[in-house]
Amino acid sequence: MLDFCAEHGLAPATELIGAEQINEAYERVMTSKVRYRAVIDTSTLG
């Protein structure tokens, strides 16, 4: 499956969020308003 995706340029739609946006992203998940997969940018963690 991974080979197929790589050959056809398929990738998940993601939204990169910073540490300061974690609470907002959580609320969006809880209210079913997330459109993409939220990925936390670990370089923004303090």
Protein backbone atom coordinates (compact mmCIF):
# COMPACT_ATOMS: atom_id res chain seq x y z
CA MET A 1 0.00 0.00 0.00
CA LEU A 2 2.82 2.41 0.84
CA ASP A 3 4.51 1.66 -2.47
CA PHE A 4 1.25 2.36 -4.33
CA CYS A 5 0.82 5.69 -2.55
CA ALA A 6 4.43 6.68 -3.26
CA GLU A 7 4.14 5.75 -6.94
CA HIS A 8 0.95 7.81 -7.36
CA GLY A 9 1.89 10.78 -5.17
CA LEU A 10 -0.84 10.13 -2.59
CA ALA A 11 -0.38 11.69 0.84
CA PRO A 12 -2.67 12.61 3.73
CA ALA A 13 -3.93 16.15 4.10
CA THR A 14 -2.41 17.53 7.31
CA GLU A 15 -2.55 20.76 9.24
CA LEU A 16 0.63 21.68 11.12
CA ILE A 17 -0.18 23.35 14.43
CA GLY A 18 2.08 25.00 16.96
CA ALA A 19 2.08 24.30 20.68
CA GLU A 20 0.11 27.50 21.30
CA GLN A 21 -2.75 26.11 19.15
CA ILE A 22 -3.18 22.75 20.92
CA ASN A 23 -6.22 23.79 22.97
CA GLU A 24 -7.95 25.26 19.91
CA ALA A 25 -7.23 22.11 17.89
CA TYR A 26 -8.59 19.93 20.69
CA GLU A 27 -11.83 21.93 20.76
CA ARG A 28 -12.17 21.52 16.99
CA VAL A 29 -11.74 17.75 17.36
CA MET A 30 -14.36 17.60 20.10
CA THR A 31 -16.89 19.59 18.04
CA SER A 32 -16.20 17.58 14.85
CA LYS A 33 -14.89 20.65 13.02
CA VAL A 34 -11.48 19.24 12.09
CA ARG A 35 -11.03 18.97 8.35
CA TYR A 36 -7.50 17.59 8.20
CA ARG A 37 -5.24 15.57 10.43
CA ALA A 38 -3.71 17.91 13.00
CA VAL A 39 0.03 17.42 13.53
CA ILE A 40 1.83 19.21 16.36
CA ASP A 41 5.07 20.94 15.38
CA THR A 42 7.31 19.68 18.19
CA SER A 43 9.85 22.44 17.57
CA THR A 44 7.33 24.88 19.12
CA LEU A 45 7.12 23.00 22.42
CA GLY A 46 8.74 24.88 25.26
